[in-house]
Protein backbone atom coordinates (compact mmCIF):
# COMPACT_ATOMS: atom_id res chain seq x y z
CA MET A 1 71.45 101.88 101.70
CA THR A 2 75.02 101.66 100.00
CA ASP A 3 77.04 99.04 101.35
CA PHE A 4 80.35 100.70 101.79
CA ALA A 5 82.31 98.13 103.54
CA LYS A 6 81.13 95.81 100.23
CA THR A 7 82.31 98.34 97.57
CA LYS A 8 85.84 99.14 99.45
CA SER A 9 86.03 95.43 99.14
CA LEU A 10 86.15 95.58 95.38
CA PHE A 11 89.31 97.95 95.01
CA HIS A 12 92.78 96.78 94.99
CA LEU A 13 94.38 99.18 97.91
CA PRO A 14 97.73 98.58 98.53
CA GLU A 15 98.54 97.43 102.15
CA GLY A 16 99.64 99.93 104.07
CA ILE A 17 98.50 102.81 102.41
CA ILE A 18 95.74 105.59 103.31
CA TYR A 19 94.46 106.72 100.00
CA LEU A 20 93.30 110.61 100.18
CA ASP A 21 94.13 111.47 96.26
CA GLY A 22 91.15 109.84 94.28
CA ASN A 23 90.42 113.23 93.24
CA SER A 24 93.63 113.16 91.40
CA LEU A 25 93.16 109.47 90.23
CA GLY A 26 91.15 106.86 91.52
CA PRO A 27 92.40 103.48 92.49
CA LEU A 28 92.05 100.47 90.76
CA PRO A 29 88.99 98.39 90.58
CA LYS A 30 89.92 94.86 90.87
CA ALA A 31 87.45 93.82 88.21
CA ALA A 32 89.49 96.36 85.76
CA THR A 33 92.27 93.84 85.43
CA ALA A 34 90.29 90.74 84.30
CA ALA A 35 87.90 93.25 81.87
CA VAL A 36 91.02 94.93 80.47
CA SER A 37 92.60 91.17 79.84
CA LYS A 38 88.96 89.76 78.81
CA THR A 39 89.14 92.91 75.91
CA MET A 40 92.51 92.04 74.68
CA GLN A 41 92.73 88.42 74.88
CA ASP A 42 88.85 87.70 73.96
CA GLU A 43 87.85 90.60 71.72
CA TRP A 44 91.25 92.37 70.49
CA GLY A 45 92.66 89.17 70.20
CA GLU A 46 90.38 86.78 68.99
CA LEU A 47 88.01 89.39 67.15
CA LEU A 48 90.82 91.57 65.72
CA ILE A 49 89.20 94.11 63.37
CA THR A 50 85.69 92.56 63.92
CA GLY A 51 85.80 93.55 67.28
CA TRP A 52 84.16 97.09 66.54
CA ASN A 53 80.60 94.68 65.39
CA LYS A 54 81.30 91.64 67.23
CA ALA A 55 82.07 93.16 70.64
CA GLY A 56 80.18 96.04 70.04
CA TRP A 57 83.40 98.26 70.14
CA MET A 58 81.62 100.94 67.97
CA ASN A 59 78.60 101.54 70.26
CA LYS A 60 80.76 101.48 73.42
CA PRO A 61 81.01 105.59 73.80
CA SER A 62 77.51 106.21 74.01
CA ASN A 63 76.74 103.03 75.85
CA VAL A 64 78.72 104.07 78.77
CA GLY A 65 77.97 107.53 78.00
CA ASP A 66 74.64 106.59 79.75
CA ARG A 67 75.72 104.73 82.93
CA VAL A 68 77.87 107.81 83.37
CA GLY A 69 74.71 110.11 82.81
CA LYS A 70 73.24 108.52 85.37
CA LEU A 71 75.87 109.91 88.16
CA ILE A 72 75.52 113.47 86.78
CA GLY A 73 71.62 113.72 86.13
CA ALA A 74 71.59 113.26 82.54
CA PRO A 75 69.04 111.65 80.18
CA SER A 76 69.75 108.62 77.93
CA GLY A 77 70.79 110.11 74.98
CA SER A 78 73.22 112.87 76.03
CA VAL A 79 76.60 111.64 77.22
CA VAL A 80 78.77 110.36 74.97
CA MET A 81 82.51 108.82 76.00
CA GLY A 82 85.85 109.83 74.20
CA ASP A 83 89.33 112.23 73.49
CA THR A 84 90.29 114.18 76.88
CA LEU A 85 88.79 116.32 78.82
CA SER A 86 90.66 119.60 77.06
CA ILE A 87 89.58 118.16 74.06
CA LYS A 88 86.27 118.34 75.58
CA VAL A 89 86.50 121.84 76.70
CA TYR A 90 87.46 122.98 73.60
CA GLN A 91 84.65 121.26 71.79
CA ALA A 92 81.79 122.69 74.39
CA LEU A 93 83.09 126.02 74.47
CA ALA A 94 83.04 126.32 70.54
CA SER A 95 79.89 125.13 70.21
CA ALA A 96 78.76 127.34 72.61
CA LEU A 97 80.12 130.52 71.37
CA GLU A 98 78.53 129.90 67.70
CA ILE A 99 75.26 129.88 69.08
CA ASN A 100 75.93 133.10 70.99
CA SER A 101 77.55 134.69 68.09
CA ASP A 102 76.25 137.70 68.28
CA ARG A 103 78.18 137.96 71.89
CA LYS A 104 82.19 138.23 72.45
CA LEU A 105 82.42 137.64 76.10
CA VAL A 106 83.63 134.69 77.95
CA LEU A 107 83.36 134.45 81.69
CA SER A 108 85.26 132.43 84.04
CA ASP A 109 86.56 132.20 87.36
CA THR A 110 90.67 132.29 88.94
CA GLY A 111 89.18 128.98 90.66
CA ASN A 112 88.63 127.01 87.24
CA PHE A 113 91.15 124.59 86.03
CA PRO A 114 94.21 126.22 84.44
CA SER A 115 93.84 123.40 81.42
CA ASP A 116 90.64 124.63 80.49
CA LEU A 117 91.50 128.61 80.61
CA TYR A 118 94.32 127.65 78.67
CA MET A 119 91.92 126.24 75.96
CA ALA A 120 89.98 128.73 75.89
CA ASP A 121 92.37 131.23 75.48
CA GLY A 122 93.56 129.44 72.35
CA LEU A 123 90.20 129.08 70.85
CA ILE A 124 89.83 132.73 71.39
CA LYS A 125 93.14 133.31 69.30
CA SER A 126 92.50 131.16 66.71
CA LEU A 127 88.82 132.49 66.10
CA ASP A 128 90.47 136.10 65.85
CA LYS A 129 86.55 137.42 66.14
CA GLY A 130 87.02 139.64 69.36
CA HIS A 131 86.10 137.36 71.78
CA GLU A 132 87.29 138.40 75.25
CA LEU A 133 88.05 136.20 78.26
CA ARG A 134 87.46 137.71 81.68
CA LEU A 135 88.08 136.25 84.92
CA TYR A 136 86.73 137.18 88.13
CA ASN A 137 87.06 135.35 91.93
CA PRO A 138 84.54 132.51 92.34
CA GLU A 139 82.57 134.09 94.56
CA SER A 140 81.86 137.31 92.95
CA VAL A 141 81.53 135.67 89.31
CA ALA A 142 77.99 135.43 89.40
CA GLU A 143 77.81 138.75 90.01
CA GLN A 144 79.54 139.63 86.88
CA LEU A 145 76.68 138.00 84.40
CA THR A 146 75.43 140.59 82.16
CA GLU A 147 73.86 140.23 78.64
CA GLU A 148 77.48 141.15 77.01
CA VAL A 149 78.40 137.60 78.13
CA ALA A 150 78.41 134.42 75.39
CA VAL A 151 79.29 132.02 77.77
CA LEU A 152 79.96 131.29 81.39
CA MET A 153 82.59 128.59 81.49
CA LEU A 154 82.92 127.25 85.09
CA THR A 155 84.43 124.27 86.93
CA GLU A 156 81.83 123.52 89.61
CA VAL A 157 84.08 122.45 92.06
CA ASP A 158 87.12 124.39 92.73
CA TYR A 159 89.99 122.06 92.10
CA ARG A 160 92.30 123.56 95.16
CA THR A 161 89.84 124.61 97.87
CA GLY A 162 87.04 121.93 96.84
CA ARG A 163 84.64 125.08 97.15
CA LEU A 164 81.27 124.37 95.50
CA HIS A 165 79.48 126.65 93.07
CA ASN A 166 75.64 126.63 92.81
CA MET A 167 74.90 124.98 89.25
CA ALA A 168 71.09 125.17 89.45
CA GLU A 169 71.03 129.06 90.64
CA ILE A 170 74.27 130.26 88.41
CA THR A 171 72.46 128.54 85.31
CA LYS A 172 69.33 130.01 86.05
CA LYS A 173 70.45 133.31 86.47
CA ALA A 174 72.95 132.95 83.08
CA HIS A 175 69.70 132.09 81.20
CA ASP A 176 67.73 134.93 82.46
CA LEU A 177 70.60 136.94 80.62
CA GLY A 178 70.68 134.74 77.70
CA ILE A 179 73.83 133.35 78.36
CA ILE A 180 75.10 129.82 77.41
CA THR A 181 76.63 127.90 80.18
CA VAL A 182 79.35 124.96 80.45
CA TRP A 183 80.01 123.12 83.40
CA ASP A 184 83.38 121.15 83.76
CA LEU A 185 82.47 118.34 86.34
CA ALA A 186 86.14 116.94 86.82
CA HIS A 187 85.70 117.13 90.70
CA THR A 188 82.18 117.10 90.48
CA ALA A 189 81.39 113.58 88.92
CA GLY A 190 81.45 110.82 91.43
CA ALA A 191 81.79 113.23 94.17
CA VAL A 192 78.41 115.39 94.01
CA ASP A 193 74.48 114.61 93.38
CA VAL A 194 74.99 116.67 90.07
CA ASP A 195 71.35 117.37 88.49
CA LEU A 196 72.34 118.12 84.99
CA GLU A 197 68.86 117.77 83.54
CA GLY A 198 67.20 119.76 86.40
CA ALA A 199 69.87 122.70 86.69
CA ASP A 200 69.01 122.53 83.06
CA ALA A 201 72.58 123.08 82.05
CA ASP A 202 73.14 123.80 78.40
CA PHE A 203 76.79 121.75 78.05
CA ALA A 204 79.09 119.65 80.73
CA ILE A 205 82.42 117.72 80.21
CA GLY A 206 84.47 115.73 82.97
CA CYS A 207 86.94 113.35 83.06
CA THR A 208 86.89 109.52 84.58
CA TYR A 209 89.82 108.64 85.99
CA LYS A 210 89.58 110.60 89.11
CA TYR A 211 85.94 109.75 91.09
CA LEU A 212 84.82 107.60 88.44
CA ASN A 213 88.43 105.32 88.50
CA SER A 214 88.79 104.31 84.93
CA GLY A 215 93.04 104.36 85.37
CA PRO A 216 95.77 106.99 83.91
CA GLY A 217 94.57 108.86 80.81
CA GLY A 218 90.97 107.61 80.98
CA PRO A 219 88.55 108.88 78.47
CA ALA A 220 86.38 111.96 78.97
CA PHE A 221 83.20 112.82 78.49
CA ILE A 222 80.54 115.34 77.13
CA TYR A 223 77.14 116.24 77.77
CA VAL A 224 74.79 118.43 75.32
CA ALA A 225 71.47 118.74 76.77
CA PRO A 226 69.13 117.73 74.34
CA ARG A 227 67.42 120.79 73.10
CA LEU A 228 70.44 122.12 71.78
CA GLN A 229 71.92 118.72 70.14
CA ASP A 230 70.46 119.34 67.02
CA GLN A 231 71.56 123.16 66.18
CA VAL A 232 74.92 122.44 67.78
CA ARG A 233 78.03 122.13 65.10
CA PRO A 234 80.72 120.30 65.94
CA ALA A 235 84.37 122.37 65.87
CA LEU A 236 86.18 119.55 65.61
CA SER A 237 84.36 117.61 63.06
CA GLY A 238 86.11 114.17 63.82
CA TRP A 239 85.25 110.91 61.58
CA LEU A 240 83.14 109.75 63.53
CA GLY A 241 80.80 112.24 64.33
CA HIS A 242 79.98 112.21 61.01
CA GLU A 243 76.07 111.06 59.85
CA ALA A 244 77.83 108.18 57.64
CA PRO A 245 80.93 107.64 59.13
CA PHE A 246 82.01 104.67 56.16
CA ALA A 247 80.30 106.52 53.52
CA PHE A 248 83.54 108.25 53.50
CA ASP A 249 82.50 111.34 52.26
CA LEU A 250 84.70 114.39 51.67
CA ASP A 251 82.46 116.56 52.83
CA TYR A 252 81.35 116.61 56.56
CA ARG A 253 77.76 115.84 57.31
CA ALA A 254 77.17 116.13 61.65
CA GLY A 255 75.35 112.88 62.90
CA GLY A 256 72.20 112.89 65.02
CA GLY A 257 71.91 113.73 68.72
CA ILE A 258 75.12 113.52 70.92
CA GLU A 259 76.42 111.31 68.27
CA ARG A 260 77.91 114.19 66.40
CA MET A 261 80.10 115.06 69.32
CA ARG A 262 82.07 111.87 69.00
CA CYS A 263 85.41 112.63 67.71
CA GLY A 264 88.56 110.56 67.43
CA THR A 265 88.49 106.45 67.83
CA PRO A 266 86.99 105.47 71.05
CA PRO A 267 89.84 103.97 73.35
CA ILE A 268 88.11 100.70 74.02
CA LEU A 269 90.75 99.41 76.63
CA GLN A 270 90.10 102.23 78.87
CA LEU A 271 86.46 101.85 78.31
CA ALA A 272 86.61 98.45 79.66
CA SER A 273 88.50 99.75 82.53
CA LEU A 274 85.77 102.02 82.97
CA GLU A 275 83.35 100.23 82.65
CA ALA A 276 84.63 97.61 85.66
CA SER A 277 84.82 100.98 87.85
CA LEU A 278 80.90 101.61 86.60
CA ASP A 279 79.46 98.11 87.91
CA ILE A 280 80.69 98.77 91.64
CA TRP A 281 79.24 102.41 91.13
CA ASP A 282 75.81 100.36 90.29
CA LEU A 283 75.93 98.83 94.14
CA ALA A 284 75.78 103.10 95.53
CA THR A 285 73.60 105.59 94.90
CA MET A 286 75.10 109.42 94.81
CA ALA A 287 73.40 110.67 97.34
CA ASP A 288 74.64 107.68 99.59
CA VAL A 289 77.85 108.50 98.65
CA ARG A 290 77.07 112.36 99.33
CA ALA A 291 75.97 112.01 102.76
CA LYS A 292 79.03 109.94 103.81
CA SER A 293 81.43 112.18 102.09
CA ILE A 294 80.19 115.01 103.99
CA GLU A 295 80.36 112.56 107.29
CA LEU A 296 83.71 111.88 106.48
CA THR A 297 85.60 115.46 105.50
CA ASP A 298 83.75 116.69 108.42
CA LEU A 299 85.53 114.79 111.19
CA PHE A 300 88.71 115.29 108.79
CA VAL A 301 88.23 118.98 109.19
CA LYS A 302 87.60 118.47 113.35
CA LEU A 303 90.48 116.09 113.57
CA VAL A 304 93.00 118.21 111.95
CA GLU A 305 92.18 121.56 113.49
CA ASP A 306 92.57 119.70 117.06
CA SER A 307 95.35 117.96 116.25
CA CYS A 308 97.93 120.38 113.52
CA PRO A 309 97.10 123.55 114.11
CA ASP A 310 99.46 124.58 111.66
CA LEU A 311 97.41 123.90 109.39
CA LYS A 312 94.85 126.63 107.82
CA LEU A 313 91.36 125.42 106.37
CA ALA A 314 91.42 126.51 102.95
CA SER A 315 88.03 124.54 102.09
CA PRO A 316 84.17 125.71 103.17
CA ARG A 317 83.34 124.50 106.36
CA ASN A 318 79.76 123.80 105.58
CA GLY A 319 80.05 120.63 103.62
CA GLN A 320 77.04 121.11 101.73
CA GLU A 321 79.52 124.27 100.16
CA ARG A 322 82.32 122.05 99.15
CA GLY A 323 82.48 118.88 97.10
CA SER A 324 84.39 115.85 98.15
CA GLN A 325 88.14 117.26 99.11
CA ILE A 326 89.64 119.34 102.24
CA SER A 327 92.30 121.31 101.57
CA PHE A 328 94.67 123.40 104.25
CA HIS A 329 97.37 125.68 103.61
CA PHE A 330 100.46 125.85 105.01
CA LYS A 331 103.88 127.20 103.77
CA GLU A 332 105.66 124.43 103.19
CA GLY A 333 102.70 121.87 102.29
CA TYR A 334 104.75 120.44 99.55
CA ALA A 335 107.50 118.90 101.92
CA ALA A 336 104.85 118.27 104.75
CA MET A 337 102.83 116.21 101.99
CA GLN A 338 105.67 114.31 100.87
CA ALA A 339 106.72 113.18 104.71
CA LEU A 340 102.86 112.02 104.91
CA ILE A 341 103.75 110.22 101.52
CA ASP A 342 106.23 108.95 102.85
CA ARG A 343 104.25 107.40 105.86
CA GLY A 344 101.83 106.15 104.02
CA VAL A 345 99.05 108.59 103.88
CA ILE A 346 98.81 109.82 100.17
CA GLY A 347 97.14 113.39 99.40
CA ASP A 348 98.87 116.00 96.81
CA PHE A 349 99.84 119.80 96.36
CA ARG A 350 98.59 122.33 94.42
CA ALA A 351 100.77 125.63 94.44
CA PRO A 352 101.15 127.75 96.18
CA ASP A 353 100.90 126.36 99.65
CA ILE A 354 97.81 123.79 99.50
CA MET A 355 97.40 120.44 100.61
CA ARG A 356 95.27 118.79 99.22
CA PHE A 357 92.88 115.68 100.75
CA GLY A 358 90.12 113.67 98.44
CA PHE A 359 87.82 111.95 99.98
CA THR A 360 85.23 108.79 98.03
CA PRO A 361 83.43 107.01 100.41
CA LEU A 362 83.25 103.99 97.77
CA TYR A 363 86.50 102.92 99.85
CA ILE A 364 87.28 105.28 102.51
CA ASP A 365 86.02 104.94 105.42
CA GLU A 366 86.45 106.58 109.16
CA GLY A 367 89.09 103.98 110.35
CA ASP A 368 91.08 105.62 107.70
CA VAL A 369 90.16 109.27 108.39
CA ILE A 370 91.47 108.45 111.93
CA GLN A 371 94.96 106.86 111.22
CA ALA A 372 95.30 109.27 108.45
CA VAL A 373 95.43 111.99 111.08
CA GLU A 374 96.89 110.57 113.94
CA ILE A 375 100.01 110.20 110.85
CA MET A 376 99.26 114.15 110.32
CA LYS A 377 99.93 114.96 113.53
CA GLU A 378 103.15 113.09 113.78
CA VAL A 379 104.75 115.15 111.18
CA MET A 380 103.39 117.76 111.98
CA THR A 381 104.21 118.24 115.80
CA ASN A 382 107.37 116.89 115.32
CA LYS A 383 108.43 119.18 111.99
CA LEU A 384 109.09 115.54 110.32
CA TRP A 385 108.66 117.25 107.11
CA ASP A 386 111.82 119.62 107.84
CA ASN A 387 114.17 117.17 105.62
CA PRO A 388 115.81 118.13 102.38
CA LYS A 389 114.86 115.48 100.43
CA TYR A 390 111.26 116.31 100.86
CA PHE A 391 111.71 119.82 99.45
CA GLU A 392 113.17 118.45 96.07
CA ARG A 393 110.09 118.85 93.46
CA SER A 394 109.08 116.16 91.24
CA ALA A 395 107.67 116.35 88.17
CA VAL A 396 103.77 115.96 89.11
CA THR A 397 102.85 117.56 92.85
């Protein structure tokens, strides 16, 4: 049984703050400061460039990838770290389209994160081979699968509402029609008990700065099913994905297995931070995290609906049908969120009218939920959000 009081004690949580935005940026693991400092002083500082060998920097993308893989149901040797999520989306989609080269249709939904769609659109324009990106509502996208589709690209948890796709069911339907699947786990990894191997997913990508707490700009990951690894051609043929990077050949030969999906030089300092967070994850099980998440979000929904009638639930009511976030519609949601942040409850806003709250049992408990809703009730009942300063939009919402 996971000791959530213990895990909570391992995060730096500023006094007077209830942090319900870990679905955007996770808080600082206390051990990360020392881990990054050690990497800087003892490794970079003392070993200099020899750290690539002596400190094992070169192997970190795969070693850390295996640790992340345990949280998403991926077998050893199927996940590698590095680059940003947008880069990993591009890599996965490009490889998937090449596998299904006789088809031209990419299918996604309107709940997908816009950056994924931008990357798909840009790739299609660069290929200039008649590919098309089609979008449907999240509720109906599975019904649109046909033998015309080359790739189905979905974010498992809708970043706005938290709606959860059934990965296993949709992947099976896609495979029955010869479709390759690409799953974005940005709002899934560390929030939902994923089973990539059990669902027979083809590709998956995700970031680590949300529920996995690697820090701002933390590295992304990519998963390729073992059955596909040796036939995947990396569209971004970075030198660290080469079979022999230090042979410095002028021609590219893809490395073996998941290593071929490496691209640029790995971010060693951010990987050190991520490892500190993964040490905390070693104390938890995803089954416990998922069960506690549903408890906390169910409680939050009940309390908010009882005390803040102006807020309308945007997330699925059934906890099994959503990720680890709750969203509410409110016309002046941006201003209301700024008023909450001013009073120590940090969530975020997503256009046009969604107030979004993330719940991570590693550091959020029932007391936090109750206190947060008490503050929300005060803000909404007294219309404390109706202040000109709360309507001034910042660059990040």
